[in-house]
Amino acid sequence: MAQSFRDLIIWQKSMQLTVTIYQLTQGFPREELYGLSSQLRRAAVSMPSNIAEGHGRLNTREFKQFLGIARASDFESQTQLEIARRLGMGEIKLLDLAESLSHEVGKVIYAMVESLRSSIQN
């Protein structure tokens, strides 16, 4: 396993997604500050935070559990990004980038969970 959570590609990608979501939501209408903007930001911040916390846990099962929480936050953000798209909120280029990064993060989380599942069973 990586020495630091910062070395994990999954953490790096989720950080990139989080920054992109913050940039995207800066362009949302002011009345969404405590609505969709806030929800999206919380879901985004949750991903790298749970990856880092899980990596700091003492065993693989706990790490896998935190990856599951990060995955759920990724799905939540995908839903919220789709809502933003349907409502015409945010810059399209940033919205496309956020959605792309979110799908990428989801794939990497899934692959890591599967990898950990194999190591737990062996």
PDB file of N, CA and C in Angstrom:
ATOM      1  N   MET A   1       0.844  -1.189   0.000  1.00  0.00           N
ATOM      2  CA  MET A   1       0.000   0.000   0.000  1.00  0.00           C
ATOM      3  C   MET A   1       0.889   1.253   0.000  1.00  0.00           C
ATOM      4  N   ALA A   2       0.376   2.315  -0.529  1.00  0.00           N
ATOM      5  CA  ALA A   2       1.114   3.581  -0.597  1.00  0.00           C
ATOM      6  C   ALA A   2       1.445   4.079   0.812  1.00  0.00           C
ATOM      7  N   GLN A   3       2.576   4.761   0.940  1.00  0.00           N
ATOM      8  CA  GLN A   3       2.992   5.290   2.233  1.00  0.00           C
ATOM      9  C   GLN A   3       2.044   6.377   2.732  1.00  0.00           C
ATOM     10  N   SER A   4       1.628   7.250   1.826  1.00  0.00           N
ATOM     11  CA  SER A   4       0.754   8.363   2.174  1.00  0.00           C
ATOM     12  C   SER A   4      -0.495   8.318   1.305  1.00  0.00           C
ATOM     13  N   PHE A   5      -1.604   8.766   1.856  1.00  0.00           N
ATOM     14  CA  PHE A   5      -2.821   8.832   1.053  1.00  0.00           C
ATOM     15  C   PHE A   5      -2.634   9.758  -0.140  1.00  0.00           C
ATOM     16  N   ARG A   6      -1.728  10.721  -0.016  1.00  0.00           N
ATOM     17  CA  ARG A   6      -1.454  11.656  -1.118  1.00  0.00           C
ATOM     18  C   ARG A   6      -0.852  10.949  -2.337  1.00  0.00           C
ATOM     19  N   ASP A   7      -0.252   9.778  -2.118  1.00  0.00           N
ATOM     20  CA  ASP A   7       0.338   8.996  -3.213  1.00  0.00           C
ATOM     21  C   ASP A   7      -0.719   8.218  -4.007  1.00  0.00           C
ATOM     22  N   LEU A   8      -1.908   8.097  -3.455  1.00  0.00           N
ATOM     23  CA  LEU A   8      -2.956   7.317  -4.104  1.00  0.00           C
ATOM     24  C   LEU A   8      -3.566   8.085  -5.279  1.00  0.00           C
ATOM     25  N   ILE A   9      -3.571   7.471  -6.447  1.00  0.00           N
ATOM     26  CA  ILE A   9      -4.186   8.077  -7.635  1.00  0.00           C
ATOM     27  C   ILE A   9      -5.647   8.405  -7.342  1.00  0.00           C
ATOM     28  N   ILE A  10      -6.311   7.540  -6.623  1.00  0.00           N
ATOM     29  CA  ILE A  10      -7.724   7.729  -6.301  1.00  0.00           C
ATOM     30  C   ILE A  10      -7.946   9.020  -5.491  1.00  0.00           C
ATOM     31  N   TRP A  11      -7.035   9.298  -4.567  1.00  0.00           N
ATOM     32  CA  TRP A  11      -7.138  10.531  -3.775  1.00  0.00           C
ATOM     33  C   TRP A  11      -6.845  11.736  -4.661  1.00  0.00           C
ATOM     34  N   GLN A  12      -5.811  11.635  -5.498  1.00  0.00           N
ATOM     35  CA  GLN A  12      -5.437  12.743  -6.382  1.00  0.00           C
ATOM     36  C   GLN A  12      -6.574  13.088  -7.341  1.00  0.00           C
ATOM     37  N   LYS A  13      -7.200  12.062  -7.933  1.00  0.00           N
ATOM     38  CA  LYS A  13      -8.321  12.287  -8.860  1.00  0.00           C
ATOM     39  C   LYS A  13      -9.520  12.890  -8.130  1.00  0.00           C
ATOM     40  N   SER A  14      -9.794  12.409  -6.932  1.00  0.00           N
ATOM     41  CA  SER A  14     -10.945  12.944  -6.193  1.00  0.00           C
ATOM     42  C   SER A  14     -10.686  14.386  -5.747  1.00  0.00           C
ATOM     43  N   MET A  15      -9.438  14.732  -5.492  1.00  0.00           N
ATOM     44  CA  MET A  15      -9.095  16.124  -5.186  1.00  0.00           C
ATOM     45  C   MET A  15      -9.311  17.006  -6.412  1.00  0.00           C
ATOM     46  N   GLN A  16      -8.900  16.497  -7.575  1.00  0.00           N
ATOM     47  CA  GLN A  16      -9.110  17.234  -8.821  1.00  0.00           C
ATOM     48  C   GLN A  16     -10.610  17.441  -9.061  1.00  0.00           C
ATOM     49  N   LEU A  17     -11.395  16.413  -8.808  1.00  0.00           N
ATOM     50  CA  LEU A  17     -12.852  16.524  -8.948  1.00  0.00           C
ATOM     51  C   LEU A  17     -13.408  17.568  -7.988  1.00  0.00           C
ATOM     52  N   THR A  18     -12.957  17.555  -6.759  1.00  0.00           N
ATOM     53  CA  THR A  18     -13.437  18.502  -5.752  1.00  0.00           C
ATOM     54  C   THR A  18     -13.148  19.944  -6.164  1.00  0.00           C
ATOM     55  N   VAL A  19     -11.947  20.199  -6.622  1.00  0.00           N
ATOM     56  CA  VAL A  19     -11.578  21.550  -7.072  1.00  0.00           C
ATOM     57  C   VAL A  19     -12.445  21.961  -8.266  1.00  0.00           C
ATOM     58  N   THR A  20     -12.664  21.048  -9.186  1.00  0.00           N
ATOM     59  CA  THR A  20     -13.495  21.332 -10.360  1.00  0.00           C
ATOM     60  C   THR A  20     -14.929  21.648  -9.943  1.00  0.00           C
ATOM     61  N   ILE A  21     -15.453  20.905  -8.983  1.00  0.00           N
ATOM     62  CA  ILE A  21     -16.821  21.162  -8.509  1.00  0.00           C
ATOM     63  C   ILE A  21     -16.905  22.526  -7.825  1.00  0.00           C
ATOM     64  N   TYR A  22     -15.893  22.899  -7.068  1.00  0.00           N
ATOM     65  CA  TYR A  22     -15.890  24.235  -6.456  1.00  0.00           C
ATOM     66  C   TYR A  22     -15.871  25.316  -7.535  1.00  0.00           C
ATOM     67  N   GLN A  23     -15.062  25.112  -8.571  1.00  0.00           N
ATOM     68  CA  GLN A  23     -15.027  26.084  -9.670  1.00  0.00           C
ATOM     69  C   GLN A  23     -16.372  26.146 -10.384  1.00  0.00           C
ATOM     70  N   LEU A  24     -16.969  24.997 -10.618  1.00  0.00           N
ATOM     71  CA  LEU A  24     -18.273  24.929 -11.280  1.00  0.00           C
ATOM     72  C   LEU A  24     -19.344  25.651 -10.478  1.00  0.00           C
ATOM     73  N   THR A  25     -19.403  25.373  -9.186  1.00  0.00           N
ATOM     74  CA  THR A  25     -20.479  25.936  -8.359  1.00  0.00           C
ATOM     75  C   THR A  25     -20.314  27.436  -8.112  1.00  0.00           C
ATOM     76  N   GLN A  26     -19.130  27.969  -8.342  1.00  0.00           N
ATOM     77  CA  GLN A  26     -18.956  29.422  -8.245  1.00  0.00           C
ATOM     78  C   GLN A  26     -19.829  30.140  -9.274  1.00  0.00           C
ATOM     79  N   GLY A  27     -20.157  29.444 -10.366  1.00  0.00           N
ATOM     80  CA  GLY A  27     -20.986  30.026 -11.410  1.00  0.00           C
ATOM     81  C   GLY A  27     -22.477  29.758 -11.240  1.00  0.00           C
ATOM     82  N   PHE A  28     -22.852  29.070 -10.157  1.00  0.00           N
ATOM     83  CA  PHE A  28     -24.269  28.800  -9.901  1.00  0.00           C
ATOM     84  C   PHE A  28     -24.970  30.073  -9.435  1.00  0.00           C
ATOM     85  N   PRO A  29     -26.286  30.142  -9.611  1.00  0.00           N
ATOM     86  CA  PRO A  29     -27.029  31.312  -9.120  1.00  0.00           C
ATOM     87  C   PRO A  29     -26.844  31.493  -7.613  1.00  0.00           C
ATOM     88  N   ARG A  30     -26.844  32.722  -7.186  1.00  0.00           N
ATOM     89  CA  ARG A  30     -26.636  33.059  -5.761  1.00  0.00           C
ATOM     90  C   ARG A  30     -27.637  32.342  -4.843  1.00  0.00           C
ATOM     91  N   GLU A  31     -28.875  32.178  -5.317  1.00  0.00           N
ATOM     92  CA  GLU A  31     -29.893  31.535  -4.468  1.00  0.00           C
ATOM     93  C   GLU A  31     -29.616  30.046  -4.244  1.00  0.00           C
ATOM     94  N   GLU A  32     -28.640  29.490  -4.984  1.00  0.00           N
ATOM     95  CA  GLU A  32     -28.275  28.083  -4.797  1.00  0.00           C
ATOM     96  C   GLU A  32     -27.126  27.904  -3.805  1.00  0.00           C
ATOM     97  N   LEU A  33     -26.674  28.991  -3.204  1.00  0.00           N
ATOM     98  CA  LEU A  33     -25.557  28.922  -2.274  1.00  0.00           C
ATOM     99  C   LEU A  33     -25.789  27.884  -1.178  1.00  0.00           C
ATOM    100  N   TYR A  34     -27.005  27.821  -0.642  1.00  0.00           N
ATOM    101  CA  TYR A  34     -27.320  26.866   0.428  1.00  0.00           C
ATOM    102  C   TYR A  34     -28.117  25.679  -0.092  1.00  0.00           C
ATOM    103  N   GLY A  35     -28.248  25.577  -1.399  1.00  0.00           N
ATOM    104  CA  GLY A  35     -28.988  24.479  -2.016  1.00  0.00           C
ATOM    105  C   GLY A  35     -28.041  23.528  -2.726  1.00  0.00           C
ATOM    106  N   LEU A  36     -28.214  23.437  -4.028  1.00  0.00           N
ATOM    107  CA  LEU A  36     -27.459  22.488  -4.830  1.00  0.00           C
ATOM    108  C   LEU A  36     -25.948  22.731  -4.746  1.00  0.00           C
ATOM    109  N   SER A  37     -25.539  23.976  -4.712  1.00  0.00           N
ATOM    110  CA  SER A  37     -24.114  24.301  -4.622  1.00  0.00           C
ATOM    111  C   SER A  37     -23.497  23.698  -3.358  1.00  0.00           C
ATOM    112  N   SER A  38     -24.153  23.896  -2.240  1.00  0.00           N
ATOM    113  CA  SER A  38     -23.679  23.380  -0.964  1.00  0.00           C
ATOM    114  C   SER A  38     -23.670  21.851  -0.948  1.00  0.00           C
ATOM    115  N   GLN A  39     -24.728  21.240  -1.477  1.00  0.00           N
ATOM    116  CA  GLN A  39     -24.822  19.777  -1.522  1.00  0.00           C
ATOM    117  C   GLN A  39     -23.684  19.180  -2.350  1.00  0.00           C
ATOM    118  N   LEU A  40     -23.453  19.764  -3.512  1.00  0.00           N
ATOM    119  CA  LEU A  40     -22.399  19.272  -4.401  1.00  0.00           C
ATOM    120  C   LEU A  40     -21.027  19.394  -3.748  1.00  0.00           C
ATOM    121  N   ARG A  41     -20.791  20.510  -3.126  1.00  0.00           N
ATOM    122  CA  ARG A  41     -19.496  20.722  -2.483  1.00  0.00           C
ATOM    123  C   ARG A  41     -19.277  19.736  -1.342  1.00  0.00           C
ATOM    124  N   ARG A  42     -20.311  19.499  -0.543  1.00  0.00           N
ATOM    125  CA  ARG A  42     -20.179  18.542   0.569  1.00  0.00           C
ATOM    126  C   ARG A  42     -19.891  17.140   0.057  1.00  0.00           C
ATOM    127  N   ALA A  43     -20.616  16.722  -0.983  1.00  0.00           N
ATOM    128  CA  ALA A  43     -20.388  15.389  -1.553  1.00  0.00           C
ATOM    129  C   ALA A  43     -18.970  15.284  -2.111  1.00  0.00           C
ATOM    130  N   ALA A  44     -18.511  16.336  -2.770  1.00  0.00           N
ATOM    131  CA  ALA A  44     -17.171  16.331  -3.362  1.00  0.00           C
ATOM    132  C   ALA A  44     -16.083  16.253  -2.292  1.00  0.00           C
ATOM    133  N   VAL A  45     -16.205  17.072  -1.265  1.00  0.00           N
ATOM    134  CA  VAL A  45     -15.207  17.088  -0.191  1.00  0.00           C
ATOM    135  C   VAL A  45     -15.167  15.747   0.540  1.00  0.00           C
ATOM    136  N   SER A  46     -16.306  15.089   0.615  1.00  0.00           N
ATOM    137  CA  SER A  46     -16.399  13.807   1.294  1.00  0.00           C
ATOM    138  C   SER A  46     -15.538  12.727   0.639  1.00  0.00           C
ATOM    139  N   MET A  47     -15.398  12.794  -0.672  1.00  0.00           N
ATOM    140  CA  MET A  47     -14.649  11.737  -1.381  1.00  0.00           C
ATOM    141  C   MET A  47     -13.179  11.670  -0.956  1.00  0.00           C
ATOM    142  N   PRO A  48     -12.368  12.706  -1.189  1.00  0.00           N
ATOM    143  CA  PRO A  48     -10.961  12.592  -0.800  1.00  0.00           C
ATOM    144  C   PRO A  48     -10.795  12.493   0.725  1.00  0.00           C
ATOM    145  N   SER A  49     -11.722  13.081   1.468  1.00  0.00           N
ATOM    146  CA  SER A  49     -11.640  13.006   2.935  1.00  0.00           C
ATOM    147  C   SER A  49     -11.787  11.568   3.418  1.00  0.00           C
ATOM    148  N   ASN A  50     -12.763  10.842   2.875  1.00  0.00           N
ATOM    149  CA  ASN A  50     -12.969   9.448   3.281  1.00  0.00           C
ATOM    150  C   ASN A  50     -11.861   8.532   2.769  1.00  0.00           C
ATOM    151  N   ILE A  51     -11.335   8.827   1.603  1.00  0.00           N
ATOM    152  CA  ILE A  51     -10.205   8.045   1.093  1.00  0.00           C
ATOM    153  C   ILE A  51      -9.003   8.220   2.019  1.00  0.00           C
ATOM    154  N   ALA A  52      -8.720   9.452   2.407  1.00  0.00           N
ATOM    155  CA  ALA A  52      -7.593   9.722   3.312  1.00  0.00           C
ATOM    156  C   ALA A  52      -7.822   9.081   4.679  1.00  0.00           C
ATOM    157  N   GLU A  53      -9.026   9.257   5.217  1.00  0.00           N
ATOM    158  CA  GLU A  53      -9.306   8.678   6.541  1.00  0.00           C
ATOM    159  C   GLU A  53      -9.217   7.160   6.509  1.00  0.00           C
ATOM    160  N   GLY A  54      -9.786   6.559   5.473  1.00  0.00           N
ATOM    161  CA  GLY A  54      -9.739   5.098   5.350  1.00  0.00           C
ATOM    162  C   GLY A  54      -8.320   4.580   5.222  1.00  0.00           C
ATOM    163  N   HIS A  55      -7.498   5.310   4.481  1.00  0.00           N
ATOM    164  CA  HIS A  55      -6.099   4.909   4.313  1.00  0.00           C
ATOM    165  C   HIS A  55      -5.367   4.952   5.649  1.00  0.00           C
ATOM    166  N   GLY A  56      -5.791   5.835   6.520  1.00  0.00           N
ATOM    167  CA  GLY A  56      -5.157   5.959   7.830  1.00  0.00           C
ATOM    168  C   GLY A  56      -5.639   4.943   8.849  1.00  0.00           C
ATOM    169  N   ARG A  57      -6.638   4.174   8.515  1.00  0.00           N
ATOM    170  CA  ARG A  57      -7.146   3.152   9.428  1.00  0.00           C
ATOM    171  C   ARG A  57      -6.161   1.998   9.539  1.00  0.00           C
ATOM    172  N   LEU A  58      -6.379   1.170  10.537  1.00  0.00           N
ATOM    173  CA  LEU A  58      -5.400   0.138  10.853  1.00  0.00           C
ATOM    174  C   LEU A  58      -5.564  -1.162  10.079  1.00  0.00           C
ATOM    175  N   ASN A  59      -6.683  -1.308   9.368  1.00  0.00           N
ATOM    176  CA  ASN A  59      -6.815  -2.549   8.609  1.00  0.00           C
ATOM    177  C   ASN A  59      -7.546  -2.335   7.290  1.00  0.00           C
ATOM    178  N   THR A  60      -7.398  -3.317   6.440  1.00  0.00           N
ATOM    179  CA  THR A  60      -7.933  -3.254   5.082  1.00  0.00           C
ATOM    180  C   THR A  60      -9.455  -3.189   5.064  1.00  0.00           C
ATOM    181  N   ARG A  61     -10.101  -3.901   5.968  1.00  0.00           N
ATOM    182  CA  ARG A  61     -11.570  -3.890   6.001  1.00  0.00           C
ATOM    183  C   ARG A  61     -12.111  -2.477   6.255  1.00  0.00           C
ATOM    184  N   GLU A  62     -11.473  -1.773   7.177  1.00  0.00           N
ATOM    185  CA  GLU A  62     -11.907  -0.407   7.459  1.00  0.00           C
ATOM    186  C   GLU A  62     -11.667   0.503   6.252  1.00  0.00           C
ATOM    187  N   PHE A  63     -10.525   0.331   5.591  1.00  0.00           N
ATOM    188  CA  PHE A  63     -10.228   1.132   4.400  1.00  0.00           C
ATOM    189  C   PHE A  63     -11.305   0.884   3.346  1.00  0.00           C
ATOM    190  N   LYS A  64     -11.653  -0.379   3.155  1.00  0.00           N
ATOM    191  CA  LYS A  64     -12.686  -0.733   2.177  1.00  0.00           C
ATOM    192  C   LYS A  64     -14.017  -0.072   2.531  1.00  0.00           C
ATOM    193  N   GLN A  65     -14.344  -0.025   3.803  1.00  0.00           N
ATOM    194  CA  GLN A  65     -15.578   0.618   4.251  1.00  0.00           C
ATOM    195  C   GLN A  65     -15.576   2.112   3.900  1.00  0.00           C
ATOM    196  N   PHE A  66     -14.466   2.780   4.125  1.00  0.00           N
ATOM    197  CA  PHE A  66     -14.376   4.208   3.812  1.00  0.00           C
ATOM    198  C   PHE A  66     -14.393   4.457   2.302  1.00  0.00           C
ATOM    199  N   LEU A  67     -13.826   3.524   1.545  1.00  0.00           N
ATOM    200  CA  LEU A  67     -13.923   3.630   0.087  1.00  0.00           C
ATOM    201  C   LEU A  67     -15.384   3.515  -0.358  1.00  0.00           C
ATOM    202  N   GLY A  68     -16.147   2.685   0.330  1.00  0.00           N
ATOM    203  CA  GLY A  68     -17.577   2.562   0.036  1.00  0.00           C
ATOM    204  C   GLY A  68     -18.312   3.869   0.289  1.00  0.00           C
ATOM    205  N   ILE A  69     -17.943   4.557   1.336  1.00  0.00           N
ATOM    206  CA  ILE A  69     -18.550   5.856   1.634  1.00  0.00           C
ATOM    207  C   ILE A  69     -18.164   6.865   0.552  1.00  0.00           C
ATOM    208  N   ALA A  70     -16.892   6.845   0.146  1.00  0.00           N
ATOM    209  CA  ALA A  70     -16.437   7.742  -0.927  1.00  0.00           C
ATOM    210  C   ALA A  70     -17.181   7.444  -2.224  1.00  0.00           C
ATOM    211  N   ARG A  71     -17.414   6.171  -2.505  1.00  0.00           N
ATOM    212  CA  ARG A  71     -18.145   5.774  -3.716  1.00  0.00           C
ATOM    213  C   ARG A  71     -19.580   6.294  -3.681  1.00  0.00           C
ATOM    214  N   ALA A  72     -20.203   6.191  -2.521  1.00  0.00           N
ATOM    215  CA  ALA A  72     -21.568   6.705  -2.370  1.00  0.00           C
ATOM    216  C   ALA A  72     -21.600   8.220  -2.596  1.00  0.00           C
ATOM    217  N   SER A  73     -20.611   8.924  -2.091  1.00  0.00           N
ATOM    218  CA  SER A  73     -20.527  10.371  -2.308  1.00  0.00           C
ATOM    219  C   SER A  73     -20.315  10.687  -3.787  1.00  0.00           C
ATOM    220  N   ASP A  74     -19.573   9.833  -4.471  1.00  0.00           N
ATOM    221  CA  ASP A  74     -19.376  10.024  -5.910  1.00  0.00           C
ATOM    222  C   ASP A  74     -20.708   9.878  -6.645  1.00  0.00           C
ATOM    223  N   PHE A  75     -21.484   8.869  -6.302  1.00  0.00           N
ATOM    224  CA  PHE A  75     -22.798   8.684  -6.926  1.00  0.00           C
ATOM    225  C   PHE A  75     -23.715   9.862  -6.620  1.00  0.00           C
ATOM    226  N   GLU A  76     -23.631  10.347  -5.391  1.00  0.00           N
ATOM    227  CA  GLU A  76     -24.418  11.520  -5.005  1.00  0.00           C
ATOM    228  C   GLU A  76     -24.031  12.719  -5.868  1.00  0.00           C
ATOM    229  N   SER A  77     -22.740  12.924  -6.052  1.00  0.00           N
ATOM    230  CA  SER A  77     -22.298  14.072  -6.855  1.00  0.00           C
ATOM    231  C   SER A  77     -22.707  13.902  -8.318  1.00  0.00           C
ATOM    232  N   GLN A  78     -22.669  12.683  -8.849  1.00  0.00           N
ATOM    233  CA  GLN A  78     -23.112  12.452 -10.229  1.00  0.00           C
ATOM    234  C   GLN A  78     -24.580  12.836 -10.400  1.00  0.00           C
ATOM    235  N   THR A  79     -25.396  12.494  -9.418  1.00  0.00           N
ATOM    236  CA  THR A  79     -26.815  12.851  -9.461  1.00  0.00           C
ATOM    237  C   THR A  79     -26.990  14.361  -9.412  1.00  0.00           C
ATOM    238  N   GLN A  80     -26.251  15.018  -8.540  1.00  0.00           N
ATOM    239  CA  GLN A  80     -26.360  16.469  -8.399  1.00  0.00           C
ATOM    240  C   GLN A  80     -25.827  17.196  -9.632  1.00  0.00           C
ATOM    241  N   LEU A  81     -24.794  16.654 -10.257  1.00  0.00           N
ATOM    242  CA  LEU A  81     -24.290  17.239 -11.498  1.00  0.00           C
ATOM    243  C   LEU A  81     -25.334  17.124 -12.611  1.00  0.00           C
ATOM    244  N   GLU A  82     -26.036  16.005 -12.639  1.00  0.00           N
ATOM    245  CA  GLU A  82     -27.102  15.830 -13.631  1.00  0.00           C
ATOM    246  C   GLU A  82     -28.244  16.817 -13.385  1.00  0.00           C
ATOM    247  N   ILE A  83     -28.569  17.053 -12.126  1.00  0.00           N
ATOM    248  CA  ILE A  83     -29.604  18.042 -11.785  1.00  0.00           C
ATOM    249  C   ILE A  83     -29.160  19.424 -12.271  1.00  0.00           C
ATOM    250  N   ALA A  84     -27.902  19.777 -11.994  1.00  0.00           N
ATOM    251  CA  ALA A  84     -27.376  21.075 -12.434  1.00  0.00           C
ATOM    252  C   ALA A  84     -27.458  21.194 -13.957  1.00  0.00           C
ATOM    253  N   ARG A  85     -27.100  20.126 -14.654  1.00  0.00           N
ATOM    254  CA  ARG A  85     -27.149  20.142 -16.124  1.00  0.00           C
ATOM    255  C   ARG A  85     -28.587  20.369 -16.603  1.00  0.00           C
ATOM    256  N   ARG A  86     -29.520  19.650 -16.025  1.00  0.00           N
ATOM    257  CA  ARG A  86     -30.921  19.765 -16.447  1.00  0.00           C
ATOM    258  C   ARG A  86     -31.517  21.133 -16.140  1.00  0.00           C
ATOM    259  N   LEU A  87     -30.987  21.769 -15.099  1.00  0.00           N
ATOM    260  CA  LEU A  87     -31.466  23.114 -14.744  1.00  0.00           C
ATOM    261  C   LEU A  87     -30.677  24.221 -15.457  1.00  0.00           C
ATOM    262  N   GLY A  88     -29.679  23.834 -16.229  1.00  0.00           N
ATOM    263  CA  GLY A  88     -28.885  24.812 -16.969  1.00  0.00           C
ATOM    264  C   GLY A  88     -27.958  25.628 -16.088  1.00  0.00           C
ATOM    265  N   MET A  89     -27.486  25.033 -15.004  1.00  0.00           N
ATOM    266  CA  MET A  89     -26.593  25.751 -14.086  1.00  0.00           C
ATOM    267  C   MET A  89     -25.135  25.433 -14.378  1.00  0.00           C
ATOM    268  N   GLY A  90     -24.304  26.448 -14.280  1.00  0.00           N
ATOM    269  CA  GLY A  90     -22.863  26.262 -14.397  1.00  0.00           C
ATOM    270  C   GLY A  90     -22.368  26.265 -15.827  1.00  0.00           C
ATOM    271  N   GLU A  91     -21.076  26.464 -15.939  1.00  0.00           N
ATOM    272  CA  GLU A  91     -20.405  26.484 -17.230  1.00  0.00           C
ATOM    273  C   GLU A  91     -20.324  25.052 -17.773  1.00  0.00           C
ATOM    274  N   ILE A  92     -20.776  24.865 -19.007  1.00  0.00           N
ATOM    275  CA  ILE A  92     -20.851  23.532 -19.616  1.00  0.00           C
ATOM    276  C   ILE A  92     -19.500  22.818 -19.608  1.00  0.00           C
ATOM    277  N   LYS A  93     -18.439  23.549 -19.925  1.00  0.00           N
ATOM    278  CA  LYS A  93     -17.097  22.947 -19.963  1.00  0.00           C
ATOM    279  C   LYS A  93     -16.717  22.364 -18.594  1.00  0.00           C
ATOM    280  N   LEU A  94     -16.984  23.109 -17.526  1.00  0.00           N
ATOM    281  CA  LEU A  94     -16.678  22.627 -16.172  1.00  0.00           C
ATOM    282  C   LEU A  94     -17.610  21.488 -15.766  1.00  0.00           C
ATOM    283  N   LEU A  95     -18.859  21.580 -16.171  1.00  0.00           N
ATOM    284  CA  LEU A  95     -19.823  20.522 -15.881  1.00  0.00           C
ATOM    285  C   LEU A  95     -19.393  19.216 -16.552  1.00  0.00           C
ATOM    286  N   ASP A  96     -18.993  19.299 -17.815  1.00  0.00           N
ATOM    287  CA  ASP A  96     -18.504  18.121 -18.538  1.00  0.00           C
ATOM    288  C   ASP A  96     -17.267  17.541 -17.867  1.00  0.00           C
ATOM    289  N   LEU A  97     -16.339  18.410 -17.472  1.00  0.00           N
ATOM    290  CA  LEU A  97     -15.114  17.956 -16.812  1.00  0.00           C
ATOM    291  C   LEU A  97     -15.439  17.278 -15.480  1.00  0.00           C
ATOM    292  N   ALA A  98     -16.308  17.892 -14.694  1.00  0.00           N
ATOM    293  CA  ALA A  98     -16.687  17.309 -13.399  1.00  0.00           C
ATOM    294  C   ALA A  98     -17.334  15.939 -13.581  1.00  0.00           C
ATOM    295  N   GLU A  99     -18.220  15.821 -14.554  1.00  0.00           N
ATOM    296  CA  GLU A  99     -18.869  14.526 -14.796  1.00  0.00           C
ATOM    297  C   GLU A  99     -17.856  13.476 -15.238  1.00  0.00           C
ATOM    298  N   SER A 100     -16.949  13.862 -16.092  1.00  0.00           N
ATOM    299  CA  SER A 100     -15.911  12.943 -16.559  1.00  0.00           C
ATOM    300  C   SER A 100     -15.018  12.484 -15.407  1.00  0.00           C
ATOM    301  N   LEU A 101     -14.584  13.430 -14.588  1.00  0.00           N
ATOM    302  CA  LEU A 101     -13.754  13.089 -13.430  1.00  0.00           C
ATOM    303  C   LEU A 101     -14.516  12.209 -12.443  1.00  0.00           C
ATOM    304  N   SER A 102     -15.775  12.495 -12.260  1.00  0.00           N
ATOM    305  CA  SER A 102     -16.588  11.704 -11.339  1.00  0.00           C
ATOM    306  C   SER A 102     -16.680  10.251 -11.796  1.00  0.00           C
ATOM    307  N   HIS A 103     -16.889  10.045 -13.077  1.00  0.00           N
ATOM    308  CA  HIS A 103     -16.947   8.672 -13.599  1.00  0.00           C
ATOM    309  C   HIS A 103     -15.589   7.983 -13.459  1.00  0.00           C
ATOM    310  N   GLU A 104     -14.533   8.733 -13.683  1.00  0.00           N
ATOM    311  CA  GLU A 104     -13.183   8.189 -13.533  1.00  0.00           C
ATOM    312  C   GLU A 104     -12.908   7.801 -12.080  1.00  0.00           C
ATOM    313  N   VAL A 105     -13.281   8.681 -11.161  1.00  0.00           N
ATOM    314  CA  VAL A 105     -13.102   8.397  -9.729  1.00  0.00           C
ATOM    315  C   VAL A 105     -13.893   7.142  -9.355  1.00  0.00           C
ATOM    316  N   GLY A 106     -15.109   7.039  -9.842  1.00  0.00           N
ATOM    317  CA  GLY A 106     -15.936   5.867  -9.554  1.00  0.00           C
ATOM    318  C   GLY A 106     -15.286   4.572 -10.009  1.00  0.00           C
ATOM    319  N   LYS A 107     -14.704   4.583 -11.190  1.00  0.00           N
ATOM    320  CA  LYS A 107     -14.032   3.391 -11.719  1.00  0.00           C
ATOM    321  C   LYS A 107     -12.820   3.017 -10.876  1.00  0.00           C
ATOM    322  N   VAL A 108     -12.052   4.021 -10.472  1.00  0.00           N
ATOM    323  CA  VAL A 108     -10.846   3.750  -9.674  1.00  0.00           C
ATOM    324  C   VAL A 108     -11.226   3.251  -8.279  1.00  0.00           C
ATOM    325  N   ILE A 109     -12.263   3.830  -7.692  1.00  0.00           N
ATOM    326  CA  ILE A 109     -12.728   3.342  -6.381  1.00  0.00           C
ATOM    327  C   ILE A 109     -13.157   1.885  -6.501  1.00  0.00           C
ATOM    328  N   TYR A 110     -13.941   1.583  -7.519  1.00  0.00           N
ATOM    329  CA  TYR A 110     -14.417   0.207  -7.709  1.00  0.00           C
ATOM    330  C   TYR A 110     -13.234  -0.759  -7.848  1.00  0.00           C
ATOM    331  N   ALA A 111     -12.259  -0.382  -8.659  1.00  0.00           N
ATOM    332  CA  ALA A 111     -11.085  -1.238  -8.869  1.00  0.00           C
ATOM    333  C   ALA A 111     -10.318  -1.443  -7.566  1.00  0.00           C
ATOM    334  N   MET A 112     -10.190  -0.389  -6.769  1.00  0.00           N
ATOM    335  CA  MET A 112      -9.461  -0.517  -5.512  1.00  0.00           C
ATOM    336  C   MET A 112     -10.229  -1.397  -4.521  1.00  0.00           C
ATOM    337  N   VAL A 113     -11.547  -1.239  -4.463  1.00  0.00           N
ATOM    338  CA  VAL A 113     -12.366  -2.082  -3.582  1.00  0.00           C
ATOM    339  C   VAL A 113     -12.222  -3.545  -3.978  1.00  0.00           C
ATOM    340  N   GLU A 114     -12.275  -3.814  -5.273  1.00  0.00           N
ATOM    341  CA  GLU A 114     -12.111  -5.198  -5.749  1.00  0.00           C
ATOM    342  C   GLU A 114     -10.739  -5.738  -5.401  1.00  0.00           C
ATOM    343  N   SER A 115      -9.723  -4.909  -5.534  1.00  0.00           N
ATOM    344  CA  SER A 115      -8.370  -5.307  -5.192  1.00  0.00           C
ATOM    345  C   SER A 115      -8.255  -5.625  -3.697  1.00  0.00           C
ATOM    346  N   LEU A 116      -8.861  -4.784  -2.884  1.00  0.00           N
ATOM    347  CA  LEU A 116      -8.823  -5.019  -1.427  1.00  0.00           C
ATOM    348  C   LEU A 116      -9.632  -6.254  -1.057  1.00  0.00           C
ATOM    349  N   ARG A 117     -10.748  -6.468  -1.748  1.00  0.00           N
ATOM    350  CA  ARG A 117     -11.578  -7.650  -1.497  1.00  0.00           C
ATOM    351  C   ARG A 117     -10.748  -8.911  -1.736  1.00  0.00           C
ATOM    352  N   SER A 118      -9.966  -8.931  -2.802  1.00  0.00           N
ATOM    353  CA  SER A 118      -9.117 -10.073  -3.111  1.00  0.00           C
ATOM    354  C   SER A 118      -8.065 -10.270  -2.031  1.00  0.00           C
ATOM    355  N   SER A 119      -7.488  -9.174  -1.550  1.00  0.00           N
ATOM    356  CA  SER A 119      -6.432  -9.296  -0.539  1.00  0.00           C
ATOM    357  C   SER A 119      -7.001  -9.745   0.806  1.00  0.00           C
ATOM    358  N   ILE A 120      -8.261  -9.402   1.087  1.00  0.00           N
ATOM    359  CA  ILE A 120      -8.888  -9.831   2.338  1.00  0.00           C
ATOM    360  C   ILE A 120      -9.172 -11.326   2.297  1.00  0.00           C
ATOM    361  N   GLN A 121      -9.598 -11.826   1.138  1.00  0.00           N
ATOM    362  CA  GLN A 121      -9.954 -13.235   0.995  1.00  0.00           C
ATOM    363  C   GLN A 121      -8.728 -14.129   0.951  1.00  0.00           C
ATOM    364  N   ASN A 122      -7.581 -13.590   0.547  1.00  0.00           N
ATOM    365  CA  ASN A 122      -6.357 -14.405   0.444  1.00  0.00           C
ATOM    366  C   ASN A 122      -5.621 -14.491   1.745  1.00  0.00           C
TER     367      ASN A 122
END
